[in-house]
Amino acid sequence: TNEDTPTPSLAFTVDDAETAAGNLVVAAISSSQSLVSNNNVLLAGTGANRNLIVVPSLNQNGTTTITVSVSDGTATSSDSFVLTVQPVNDAPTVSLTSPNSGATLIAPASITLAAAATDPDGTVALVKFFVRVFDGELSIHYVSAPPFQFVTNYLPAGTHTFTAKATDNSGATATSDSVTITVAPALPSLSIDD
């Protein structure tokens, strides 16, 4: 199964010569608690027909041996299988930390665009900053190493919406929520000479 993905339901049967199948006690354990805890080997079914679903721990991969046992209260029998959890590339996370949404500045404005970006199973290779223009987005800058920030100057009057897009070392991407600021027109200046 793939990382972060439960197995399909795995069917098996139980039987005993002296005890009714419905009275047999079934248990299951994992040899790697960090990959699959015993609580995440889910048993179901009644009578002779039983099944189990194995739920790997988040962002974990590797192999574990799942041992299923059945007991009639006196004797126990068990069988095992090896479960391999394949790694998958998890997307990074990114959020804009500057500017604050709703901020108002005076034109021509300078602001620091900053993003917090992390990757649970690798590194963040790139963060691109975008500003929404007309019916699309325009990439205005990219940063390939922390801190993921830069200063943009001379923003004209108007409403400006920014996003950041992080790309990890395996090519997965994530886009931040947007942040909108307002740049107000510069006030006219007046000077009176005496």
Protein backbone atom coordinates (compact mmCIF):
# COMPACT_ATOMS: atom_id res chain seq x y z
CA THR A 1 0.00 0.00 0.00
CA ASN A 2 1.09 3.61 -0.41
CA GLU A 3 2.10 5.90 2.42
CA ASP A 4 -0.89 7.55 4.15
CA THR A 5 -3.26 5.02 2.52
CA PRO A 6 -5.09 2.20 4.34
CA THR A 7 -5.00 -1.27 2.84
CA PRO A 8 -8.14 -2.62 1.25
CA SER A 9 -10.13 -4.98 3.46
CA LEU A 10 -8.19 -8.25 3.75
CA ALA A 11 -10.47 -11.26 4.28
CA PHE A 12 -9.52 -14.36 6.25
CA THR A 13 -11.34 -17.22 7.95
CA VAL A 14 -11.07 -18.74 11.43
CA ASP A 15 -12.09 -22.22 12.54
CA ASP A 16 -11.74 -24.54 15.52
CA ALA A 17 -12.77 -28.19 16.00
CA GLU A 18 -14.23 -27.68 19.51
CA THR A 19 -15.22 -23.97 19.64
CA ALA A 20 -17.81 -22.17 17.50
CA ALA A 21 -16.16 -19.65 15.17
CA GLY A 22 -18.15 -16.80 16.72
CA ASN A 23 -16.55 -17.52 20.11
CA LEU A 24 -12.98 -17.39 18.84
CA VAL A 25 -10.94 -14.32 19.82
CA VAL A 26 -8.92 -12.69 17.05
CA ALA A 27 -6.05 -10.24 17.69
CA ALA A 28 -3.42 -8.61 15.51
CA ILE A 29 -0.08 -6.94 16.19
CA SER A 30 2.48 -5.06 14.11
CA SER A 31 6.23 -5.54 14.41
CA SER A 32 6.84 -1.83 13.71
CA GLN A 33 4.77 0.40 15.98
CA SER A 34 6.12 3.56 14.33
CA LEU A 35 4.90 2.38 10.92
CA VAL A 36 1.64 0.71 12.01
CA SER A 37 0.52 0.85 15.64
CA ASN A 38 -1.46 -2.11 16.96
CA ASN A 39 -4.47 0.21 17.29
CA ASN A 40 -4.30 0.75 13.52
CA VAL A 41 -4.75 -2.93 12.63
CA LEU A 42 -8.54 -2.86 12.46
CA LEU A 43 -10.36 -6.17 12.84
CA ALA A 44 -13.97 -6.80 11.84
CA GLY A 45 -16.33 -9.59 10.92
CA THR A 46 -18.19 -12.33 12.76
CA GLY A 47 -18.24 -16.08 12.83
CA ALA A 48 -15.75 -17.75 10.55
CA ASN A 49 -15.50 -14.78 8.15
CA ARG A 50 -13.23 -12.01 9.41
CA ASN A 51 -11.29 -9.17 7.83
CA LEU A 52 -8.72 -6.56 8.68
CA ILE A 53 -7.64 -3.17 7.41
CA VAL A 54 -4.17 -1.83 8.13
CA VAL A 55 -3.78 1.95 8.49
CA PRO A 56 -0.13 3.15 8.28
CA SER A 57 0.99 6.11 10.40
CA LEU A 58 1.05 9.43 8.54
CA ASN A 59 4.17 10.15 6.50
CA GLN A 60 5.76 6.77 7.35
CA ASN A 61 7.00 4.12 4.96
CA GLY A 62 8.86 0.81 5.18
CA THR A 63 7.95 -2.76 6.08
CA THR A 64 6.25 -4.35 9.05
CA THR A 65 5.13 -7.86 9.86
CA ILE A 66 1.46 -8.13 10.80
CA THR A 67 0.72 -11.18 12.96
CA VAL A 68 -2.91 -12.27 13.27
CA SER A 69 -3.77 -14.73 16.03
CA VAL A 70 -6.91 -16.66 16.93
CA SER A 71 -7.58 -18.17 20.33
CA ASP A 72 -10.24 -20.49 21.70
CA GLY A 73 -9.27 -19.53 25.27
CA THR A 74 -6.90 -22.46 25.67
CA ALA A 75 -4.78 -22.67 22.53
CA THR A 76 -3.65 -19.95 20.12
CA SER A 77 -2.75 -20.18 16.45
CA SER A 78 -1.21 -17.37 14.38
CA ASP A 79 -0.20 -16.45 10.87
CA SER A 80 1.82 -13.48 9.60
CA PHE A 81 2.31 -11.43 6.47
CA VAL A 82 4.69 -8.64 5.54
CA LEU A 83 3.19 -5.28 4.66
CA THR A 84 5.28 -2.88 2.58
CA VAL A 85 4.26 0.78 2.73
CA GLN A 86 5.60 2.61 -0.32
CA PRO A 87 6.80 6.21 0.07
CA VAL A 88 4.94 9.01 -1.68
CA ASN A 89 5.99 12.60 -2.08
CA ASP A 90 4.00 14.81 0.28
CA ALA A 91 3.33 18.34 -0.91
CA PRO A 92 4.96 21.24 0.92
CA THR A 93 2.96 23.79 2.90
CA VAL A 94 3.20 27.53 2.36
CA SER A 95 1.59 30.63 3.83
CA LEU A 96 2.20 34.33 3.33
CA THR A 97 3.42 35.92 6.57
CA SER A 98 3.79 39.44 5.17
CA PRO A 99 2.02 41.67 4.31
CA ASN A 100 -1.01 41.42 6.55
CA SER A 101 -4.25 40.97 4.65
CA GLY A 102 -6.29 44.17 4.68
CA ALA A 103 -3.29 46.48 5.12
CA THR A 104 -3.49 49.95 3.55
CA LEU A 105 -0.39 51.73 2.27
CA ILE A 106 0.23 55.02 0.47
CA ALA A 107 1.50 55.02 -3.13
CA PRO A 108 4.16 54.48 -4.26
CA ALA A 109 4.32 51.67 -1.73
CA SER A 110 7.14 49.34 -0.78
CA ILE A 111 6.29 46.08 0.98
CA THR A 112 8.09 42.98 2.11
CA LEU A 113 6.57 39.80 0.75
CA ALA A 114 7.45 36.89 3.04
CA ALA A 115 6.33 33.27 3.14
CA ALA A 116 6.72 30.41 5.60
CA ALA A 117 7.26 27.16 3.67
CA THR A 118 8.05 23.64 4.90
CA ASP A 119 8.11 20.15 3.43
CA PRO A 120 7.33 17.07 5.58
CA ASP A 121 9.52 14.66 3.61
CA GLY A 122 12.14 16.73 1.84
CA THR A 123 13.10 20.34 1.28
CA VAL A 124 11.47 23.41 -0.20
CA ALA A 125 13.36 24.11 -3.42
CA LEU A 126 11.59 27.28 -4.52
CA VAL A 127 8.96 29.80 -3.49
CA LYS A 128 7.41 32.00 -6.20
CA PHE A 129 5.47 35.12 -5.36
CA PHE A 130 2.54 36.16 -7.54
CA VAL A 131 0.37 39.27 -7.86
CA ARG A 132 -3.07 39.09 -9.44
CA VAL A 133 -3.36 41.33 -12.48
CA PHE A 134 -6.51 41.68 -14.56
CA ASP A 135 -7.65 38.11 -15.34
CA GLY A 136 -4.49 36.23 -14.39
CA GLU A 137 -1.50 36.09 -12.14
CA LEU A 138 1.95 37.48 -12.75
CA SER A 139 5.03 35.95 -11.16
CA ILE A 140 6.94 38.82 -9.66
CA HIS A 141 9.82 37.10 -7.87
CA TYR A 142 11.15 33.75 -6.70
CA VAL A 143 13.42 32.72 -3.83
CA SER A 144 15.29 29.41 -3.76
CA ALA A 145 16.47 29.40 -0.13
CA PRO A 146 15.15 30.60 3.22
CA PRO A 147 14.25 33.17 4.26
CA PHE A 148 11.57 33.20 1.57
CA GLN A 149 11.10 36.95 1.28
CA PHE A 150 11.83 40.00 -0.84
CA VAL A 151 10.91 43.68 -1.04
CA THR A 152 8.81 44.99 -3.90
CA ASN A 153 8.87 48.73 -4.55
CA TYR A 154 6.69 51.32 -6.25
CA LEU A 155 3.33 49.60 -6.00
CA PRO A 156 0.79 51.90 -7.66
CA ALA A 157 -2.52 52.89 -6.13
CA GLY A 158 -5.12 50.13 -6.21
CA THR A 159 -5.97 46.77 -4.74
CA HIS A 160 -3.22 44.15 -4.92
CA THR A 161 -3.70 40.43 -4.22
CA PHE A 162 -0.65 38.25 -3.57
CA THR A 163 -0.06 34.50 -3.30
CA ALA A 164 2.99 32.32 -2.84
CA LYS A 165 3.62 28.93 -4.45
CA ALA A 166 6.12 26.49 -2.91
CA THR A 167 7.78 23.67 -4.86
CA ASP A 168 9.57 20.84 -3.05
CA ASN A 169 12.71 18.96 -4.11
CA SER A 170 10.57 16.28 -5.81
CA GLY A 171 8.34 18.69 -7.75
CA ALA A 172 5.19 18.72 -5.58
CA THR A 173 3.61 22.16 -5.17
CA ALA A 174 1.29 24.04 -2.85
CA THR A 175 -0.20 27.52 -3.07
CA SER A 176 -0.88 29.83 -0.15
CA ASP A 177 -4.13 31.55 0.64
CA SER A 178 -4.24 34.98 -0.97
CA VAL A 179 -3.50 38.22 0.85
CA THR A 180 -5.06 41.46 -0.38
CA ILE A 181 -3.79 44.94 0.39
CA THR A 182 -4.86 48.40 -0.70
CA VAL A 183 -2.48 51.07 -1.89
CA ALA A 184 -4.10 54.48 -1.55
CA PRO A 185 -3.16 57.35 -3.87
CA ALA A 186 -0.53 59.69 -2.52
CA LEU A 187 -1.94 62.82 -0.97
CA PRO A 188 -1.00 65.99 -2.75
CA SER A 189 1.56 68.11 -0.94
CA LEU A 190 1.35 71.80 -0.39
CA SER A 191 4.10 74.08 0.71
CA ILE A 192 3.70 77.79 1.31
CA ASP A 193 6.70 80.03 1.10
CA ASP A 194 6.75 83.05 3.33
